[in-house]
Amino acid sequence: MNDKINTLEELLNDPMIRLVMERDRVQPAELRTLLEEKVRDRAAEEPQLPPAHVVAKTCLQQWLRG
């Protein structure tokens, strides 16, 4: 058995989560929208770093020149 939740869809379809949402009168669509907006807002705030292999390649080229 795997208890790991991998996606927002899995989270919103989890029976225990659904019971808590129902108790709190939270609609899945509203929660999905709120979480997606938060992810977008946070992504816009944080600087985007290139993947490690791109950084390593750039550094290697600079080290070879120096």
PDB file of N, CA and C in Angstrom:
ATOM      1  N   MET A   1       0.842  -1.189   0.000  1.00  0.00           N
ATOM      2  CA  MET A   1       0.000   0.000   0.000  1.00  0.00           C
ATOM      3  C   MET A   1       0.882   1.245   0.000  1.00  0.00           C
ATOM      4  N   ASN A   2       0.528   2.195  -0.834  1.00  0.00           N
ATOM      5  CA  ASN A   2       1.284   3.430  -0.942  1.00  0.00           C
ATOM      6  C   ASN A   2       0.417   4.580  -0.452  1.00  0.00           C
ATOM      7  N   ASP A   3       0.802   5.230   0.652  1.00  0.00           N
ATOM      8  CA  ASP A   3       0.021   6.333   1.205  1.00  0.00           C
ATOM      9  C   ASP A   3       0.459   7.686   0.676  1.00  0.00           C
ATOM     10  N   LYS A   4       1.420   7.690  -0.218  1.00  0.00           N
ATOM     11  CA  LYS A   4       1.937   8.936  -0.759  1.00  0.00           C
ATOM     12  C   LYS A   4       0.927   9.548  -1.729  1.00  0.00           C
ATOM     13  N   ILE A   5       0.646  10.828  -1.562  1.00  0.00           N
ATOM     14  CA  ILE A   5      -0.237  11.548  -2.475  1.00  0.00           C
ATOM     15  C   ILE A   5       0.654  12.350  -3.417  1.00  0.00           C
ATOM     16  N   ASN A   6       0.490  12.125  -4.706  1.00  0.00           N
ATOM     17  CA  ASN A   6       1.385  12.723  -5.681  1.00  0.00           C
ATOM     18  C   ASN A   6       0.837  13.968  -6.360  1.00  0.00           C
ATOM     19  N   THR A   7      -0.470  14.104  -6.424  1.00  0.00           N
ATOM     20  CA  THR A   7      -1.033  15.223  -7.171  1.00  0.00           C
ATOM     21  C   THR A   7      -2.142  15.895  -6.370  1.00  0.00           C
ATOM     22  N   LEU A   8      -2.465  17.092  -6.778  1.00  0.00           N
ATOM     23  CA  LEU A   8      -3.568  17.818  -6.168  1.00  0.00           C
ATOM     24  C   LEU A   8      -4.869  17.049  -6.376  1.00  0.00           C
ATOM     25  N   GLU A   9      -5.036  16.456  -7.536  1.00  0.00           N
ATOM     26  CA  GLU A   9      -6.245  15.681  -7.825  1.00  0.00           C
ATOM     27  C   GLU A   9      -6.389  14.512  -6.844  1.00  0.00           C
ATOM     28  N   GLU A  10      -5.282  13.826  -6.567  1.00  0.00           N
ATOM     29  CA  GLU A  10      -5.317  12.724  -5.594  1.00  0.00           C
ATOM     30  C   GLU A  10      -5.681  13.243  -4.206  1.00  0.00           C
ATOM     31  N   LEU A  11      -5.115  14.379  -3.849  1.00  0.00           N
ATOM     32  CA  LEU A  11      -5.416  14.973  -2.551  1.00  0.00           C
ATOM     33  C   LEU A  11      -6.899  15.303  -2.442  1.00  0.00           C
ATOM     34  N   LEU A  12      -7.438  15.936  -3.465  1.00  0.00           N
ATOM     35  CA  LEU A  12      -8.833  16.338  -3.425  1.00  0.00           C
ATOM     36  C   LEU A  12      -9.792  15.156  -3.506  1.00  0.00           C
ATOM     37  N   ASN A  13      -9.320  14.012  -3.956  1.00  0.00           N
ATOM     38  CA  ASN A  13     -10.161  12.821  -4.038  1.00  0.00           C
ATOM     39  C   ASN A  13      -9.973  11.871  -2.861  1.00  0.00           C
ATOM     40  N   ASP A  14      -9.072  12.186  -1.950  1.00  0.00           N
ATOM     41  CA  ASP A  14      -8.843  11.348  -0.783  1.00  0.00           C
ATOM     42  C   ASP A  14     -10.082  11.381   0.108  1.00  0.00           C
ATOM     43  N   PRO A  15     -10.605  10.217   0.512  1.00  0.00           N
ATOM     44  CA  PRO A  15     -11.833  10.175   1.311  1.00  0.00           C
ATOM     45  C   PRO A  15     -11.754  10.957   2.629  1.00  0.00           C
ATOM     46  N   MET A  16     -10.628  10.889   3.311  1.00  0.00           N
ATOM     47  CA  MET A  16     -10.499  11.615   4.581  1.00  0.00           C
ATOM     48  C   MET A  16     -10.488  13.126   4.347  1.00  0.00           C
ATOM     49  N   ILE A  17      -9.779  13.543   3.328  1.00  0.00           N
ATOM     50  CA  ILE A  17      -9.733  14.967   2.987  1.00  0.00           C
ATOM     51  C   ILE A  17     -11.130  15.454   2.629  1.00  0.00           C
ATOM     52  N   ARG A  18     -11.864  14.640   1.868  1.00  0.00           N
ATOM     53  CA  ARG A  18     -13.228  15.013   1.471  1.00  0.00           C
ATOM     54  C   ARG A  18     -14.131  15.179   2.691  1.00  0.00           C
ATOM     55  N   LEU A  19     -13.982  14.299   3.683  1.00  0.00           N
ATOM     56  CA  LEU A  19     -14.796  14.419   4.894  1.00  0.00           C
ATOM     57  C   LEU A  19     -14.499  15.716   5.654  1.00  0.00           C
ATOM     58  N   VAL A  20     -13.229  16.047   5.766  1.00  0.00           N
ATOM     59  CA  VAL A  20     -12.852  17.289   6.453  1.00  0.00           C
ATOM     60  C   VAL A  20     -13.355  18.496   5.668  1.00  0.00           C
ATOM     61  N   MET A  21     -13.210  18.443   4.347  1.00  0.00           N
ATOM     62  CA  MET A  21     -13.693  19.546   3.515  1.00  0.00           C
ATOM     63  C   MET A  21     -15.207  19.706   3.650  1.00  0.00           C
ATOM     64  N   GLU A  22     -15.911  18.592   3.663  1.00  0.00           N
ATOM     65  CA  GLU A  22     -17.367  18.649   3.815  1.00  0.00           C
ATOM     66  C   GLU A  22     -17.749  19.254   5.163  1.00  0.00           C
ATOM     67  N   ARG A  23     -17.058  18.809   6.203  1.00  0.00           N
ATOM     68  CA  ARG A  23     -17.325  19.336   7.544  1.00  0.00           C
ATOM     69  C   ARG A  23     -17.099  20.854   7.588  1.00  0.00           C
ATOM     70  N   ASP A  24     -16.038  21.304   6.908  1.00  0.00           N
ATOM     71  CA  ASP A  24     -15.683  22.720   6.923  1.00  0.00           C
ATOM     72  C   ASP A  24     -16.373  23.526   5.824  1.00  0.00           C
ATOM     73  N   ARG A  25     -17.226  22.843   5.070  1.00  0.00           N
ATOM     74  CA  ARG A  25     -17.961  23.480   3.959  1.00  0.00           C
ATOM     75  C   ARG A  25     -17.021  24.087   2.927  1.00  0.00           C
ATOM     76  N   VAL A  26     -15.984  23.342   2.582  1.00  0.00           N
ATOM     77  CA  VAL A  26     -15.022  23.757   1.558  1.00  0.00           C
ATOM     78  C   VAL A  26     -15.314  22.974   0.289  1.00  0.00           C
ATOM     79  N   GLN A  27     -15.482  23.690  -0.814  1.00  0.00           N
ATOM     80  CA  GLN A  27     -15.742  23.058  -2.100  1.00  0.00           C
ATOM     81  C   GLN A  27     -14.415  22.720  -2.782  1.00  0.00           C
ATOM     82  N   PRO A  28     -14.295  21.536  -3.367  1.00  0.00           N
ATOM     83  CA  PRO A  28     -13.044  21.139  -4.032  1.00  0.00           C
ATOM     84  C   PRO A  28     -12.580  22.147  -5.092  1.00  0.00           C
ATOM     85  N   ALA A  29     -13.499  22.660  -5.874  1.00  0.00           N
ATOM     86  CA  ALA A  29     -13.126  23.617  -6.929  1.00  0.00           C
ATOM     87  C   ALA A  29     -12.550  24.897  -6.325  1.00  0.00           C
ATOM     88  N   GLU A  30     -13.125  25.356  -5.221  1.00  0.00           N
ATOM     89  CA  GLU A  30     -12.617  26.561  -4.564  1.00  0.00           C
ATOM     90  C   GLU A  30     -11.223  26.337  -4.000  1.00  0.00           C
ATOM     91  N   LEU A  31     -11.013  25.191  -3.374  1.00  0.00           N
ATOM     92  CA  LEU A  31      -9.697  24.872  -2.820  1.00  0.00           C
ATOM     93  C   LEU A  31      -8.665  24.727  -3.928  1.00  0.00           C
ATOM     94  N   ARG A  32      -9.035  24.057  -5.018  1.00  0.00           N
ATOM     95  CA  ARG A  32      -8.125  23.884  -6.153  1.00  0.00           C
ATOM     96  C   ARG A  32      -7.695  25.253  -6.691  1.00  0.00           C
ATOM     97  N   THR A  33      -8.662  26.151  -6.873  1.00  0.00           N
ATOM     98  CA  THR A  33      -8.362  27.487  -7.380  1.00  0.00           C
ATOM     99  C   THR A  33      -7.435  28.234  -6.436  1.00  0.00           C
ATOM    100  N   LEU A  34      -7.726  28.172  -5.143  1.00  0.00           N
ATOM    101  CA  LEU A  34      -6.897  28.859  -4.151  1.00  0.00           C
ATOM    102  C   LEU A  34      -5.462  28.339  -4.168  1.00  0.00           C
ATOM    103  N   LEU A  35      -5.304  27.023  -4.187  1.00  0.00           N
ATOM    104  CA  LEU A  35      -3.957  26.435  -4.182  1.00  0.00           C
ATOM    105  C   LEU A  35      -3.206  26.737  -5.482  1.00  0.00           C
ATOM    106  N   GLU A  36      -3.879  26.655  -6.613  1.00  0.00           N
ATOM    107  CA  GLU A  36      -3.223  26.954  -7.888  1.00  0.00           C
ATOM    108  C   GLU A  36      -2.786  28.413  -7.962  1.00  0.00           C
ATOM    109  N   GLU A  37      -3.618  29.317  -7.437  1.00  0.00           N
ATOM    110  CA  GLU A  37      -3.237  30.734  -7.407  1.00  0.00           C
ATOM    111  C   GLU A  37      -2.013  30.947  -6.521  1.00  0.00           C
ATOM    112  N   LYS A  38      -1.984  30.280  -5.379  1.00  0.00           N
ATOM    113  CA  LYS A  38      -0.850  30.414  -4.459  1.00  0.00           C
ATOM    114  C   LYS A  38       0.442  29.919  -5.115  1.00  0.00           C
ATOM    115  N   VAL A  39       0.356  28.797  -5.819  1.00  0.00           N
ATOM    116  CA  VAL A  39       1.540  28.263  -6.506  1.00  0.00           C
ATOM    117  C   VAL A  39       2.016  29.255  -7.563  1.00  0.00           C
ATOM    118  N   ARG A  40       1.086  29.815  -8.340  1.00  0.00           N
ATOM    119  CA  ARG A  40       1.461  30.805  -9.363  1.00  0.00           C
ATOM    120  C   ARG A  40       2.090  32.033  -8.736  1.00  0.00           C
ATOM    121  N   ASP A  41       1.486  32.540  -7.654  1.00  0.00           N
ATOM    122  CA  ASP A  41       2.016  33.728  -6.987  1.00  0.00           C
ATOM    123  C   ASP A  41       3.424  33.477  -6.451  1.00  0.00           C
ATOM    124  N   ARG A  42       3.602  32.313  -5.856  1.00  0.00           N
ATOM    125  CA  ARG A  42       4.914  31.987  -5.272  1.00  0.00           C
ATOM    126  C   ARG A  42       5.969  31.817  -6.358  1.00  0.00           C
ATOM    127  N   ALA A  43       5.591  31.207  -7.468  1.00  0.00           N
ATOM    128  CA  ALA A  43       6.533  31.021  -8.575  1.00  0.00           C
ATOM    129  C   ALA A  43       6.969  32.369  -9.141  1.00  0.00           C
ATOM    130  N   ALA A  44       6.067  33.329  -9.167  1.00  0.00           N
ATOM    131  CA  ALA A  44       6.398  34.656  -9.689  1.00  0.00           C
ATOM    132  C   ALA A  44       7.337  35.398  -8.741  1.00  0.00           C
ATOM    133  N   GLU A  45       7.263  35.105  -7.442  1.00  0.00           N
ATOM    134  CA  GLU A  45       8.093  35.781  -6.443  1.00  0.00           C
ATOM    135  C   GLU A  45       9.511  35.230  -6.381  1.00  0.00           C
ATOM    136  N   GLU A  46       9.660  33.938  -6.588  1.00  0.00           N
ATOM    137  CA  GLU A  46      10.957  33.296  -6.410  1.00  0.00           C
ATOM    138  C   GLU A  46      11.778  33.352  -7.686  1.00  0.00           C
ATOM    139  N   PRO A  47      13.073  33.640  -7.546  1.00  0.00           N
ATOM    140  CA  PRO A  47      13.920  33.593  -8.741  1.00  0.00           C
ATOM    141  C   PRO A  47      14.012  32.162  -9.259  1.00  0.00           C
ATOM    142  N   GLN A  48      14.020  32.030 -10.549  1.00  0.00           N
ATOM    143  CA  GLN A  48      14.091  30.716 -11.160  1.00  0.00           C
ATOM    144  C   GLN A  48      15.554  30.348 -11.400  1.00  0.00           C
ATOM    145  N   LEU A  49      15.984  29.245 -10.844  1.00  0.00           N
ATOM    146  CA  LEU A  49      17.349  28.772 -11.014  1.00  0.00           C
ATOM    147  C   LEU A  49      17.395  27.767 -12.154  1.00  0.00           C
ATOM    148  N   PRO A  50      18.453  27.817 -12.950  1.00  0.00           N
ATOM    149  CA  PRO A  50      18.577  26.814 -14.006  1.00  0.00           C
ATOM    150  C   PRO A  50      18.880  25.448 -13.397  1.00  0.00           C
ATOM    151  N   PRO A  51      18.616  24.390 -14.134  1.00  0.00           N
ATOM    152  CA  PRO A  51      18.936  23.048 -13.635  1.00  0.00           C
ATOM    153  C   PRO A  51      20.428  22.921 -13.331  1.00  0.00           C
ATOM    154  N   ALA A  52      20.771  22.023 -12.423  1.00  0.00           N
ATOM    155  CA  ALA A  52      22.155  21.857 -11.966  1.00  0.00           C
ATOM    156  C   ALA A  52      23.099  21.543 -13.116  1.00  0.00           C
ATOM    157  N   HIS A  53      22.653  20.747 -14.095  1.00  0.00           N
ATOM    158  CA  HIS A  53      23.567  20.393 -15.189  1.00  0.00           C
ATOM    159  C   HIS A  53      23.904  21.612 -16.049  1.00  0.00           C
ATOM    160  N   VAL A  54      22.999  22.583 -16.135  1.00  0.00           N
ATOM    161  CA  VAL A  54      23.283  23.802 -16.891  1.00  0.00           C
ATOM    162  C   VAL A  54      24.299  24.655 -16.132  1.00  0.00           C
ATOM    163  N   VAL A  55      24.122  24.760 -14.836  1.00  0.00           N
ATOM    164  CA  VAL A  55      25.070  25.514 -14.011  1.00  0.00           C
ATOM    165  C   VAL A  55      26.448  24.866 -14.087  1.00  0.00           C
ATOM    166  N   ALA A  56      26.501  23.548 -13.957  1.00  0.00           N
ATOM    167  CA  ALA A  56      27.776  22.842 -13.989  1.00  0.00           C
ATOM    168  C   ALA A  56      28.474  23.033 -15.332  1.00  0.00           C
ATOM    169  N   LYS A  57      27.736  22.971 -16.419  1.00  0.00           N
ATOM    170  CA  LYS A  57      28.327  23.148 -17.744  1.00  0.00           C
ATOM    171  C   LYS A  57      28.910  24.554 -17.891  1.00  0.00           C
ATOM    172  N   THR A  58      28.170  25.547 -17.412  1.00  0.00           N
ATOM    173  CA  THR A  58      28.646  26.929 -17.483  1.00  0.00           C
ATOM    174  C   THR A  58      29.904  27.110 -16.643  1.00  0.00           C
ATOM    175  N   CYS A  59      29.897  26.559 -15.435  1.00  0.00           N
ATOM    176  CA  CYS A  59      31.063  26.674 -14.551  1.00  0.00           C
ATOM    177  C   CYS A  59      32.271  25.963 -15.147  1.00  0.00           C
ATOM    178  N   LEU A  60      32.049  24.804 -15.724  1.00  0.00           N
ATOM    179  CA  LEU A  60      33.141  24.054 -16.326  1.00  0.00           C
ATOM    180  C   LEU A  60      33.800  24.861 -17.436  1.00  0.00           C
ATOM    181  N   GLN A  61      32.990  25.497 -18.264  1.00  0.00           N
ATOM    182  CA  GLN A  61      33.542  26.318 -19.352  1.00  0.00           C
ATOM    183  C   GLN A  61      34.363  27.468 -18.799  1.00  0.00           C
ATOM    184  N   GLN A  62      33.899  28.104 -17.716  1.00  0.00           N
ATOM    185  CA  GLN A  62      34.648  29.196 -17.104  1.00  0.00           C
ATOM    186  C   GLN A  62      35.949  28.700 -16.464  1.00  0.00           C
ATOM    187  N   TRP A  63      35.908  27.535 -15.832  1.00  0.00           N
ATOM    188  CA  TRP A  63      37.105  26.977 -15.199  1.00  0.00           C
ATOM    189  C   TRP A  63      38.151  26.613 -16.254  1.00  0.00           C
ATOM    190  N   LEU A  64      37.707  26.115 -17.386  1.00  0.00           N
ATOM    191  CA  LEU A  64      38.653  25.745 -18.434  1.00  0.00           C
ATOM    192  C   LEU A  64      39.337  26.969 -19.045  1.00  0.00           C
ATOM    193  N   ARG A  65      38.645  28.083 -19.084  1.00  0.00           N
ATOM    194  CA  ARG A  65      39.220  29.316 -19.614  1.00  0.00           C
ATOM    195  C   ARG A  65      40.213  29.932 -18.626  1.00  0.00           C
ATOM    196  N   GLY A  66      39.960  29.746 -17.330  1.00  0.00           N
ATOM    197  CA  GLY A  66      40.748  30.401 -16.288  1.00  0.00           C
ATOM    198  C   GLY A  66      41.961  29.689 -15.989  1.00  0.00           C
TER     199      GLY A  66
END
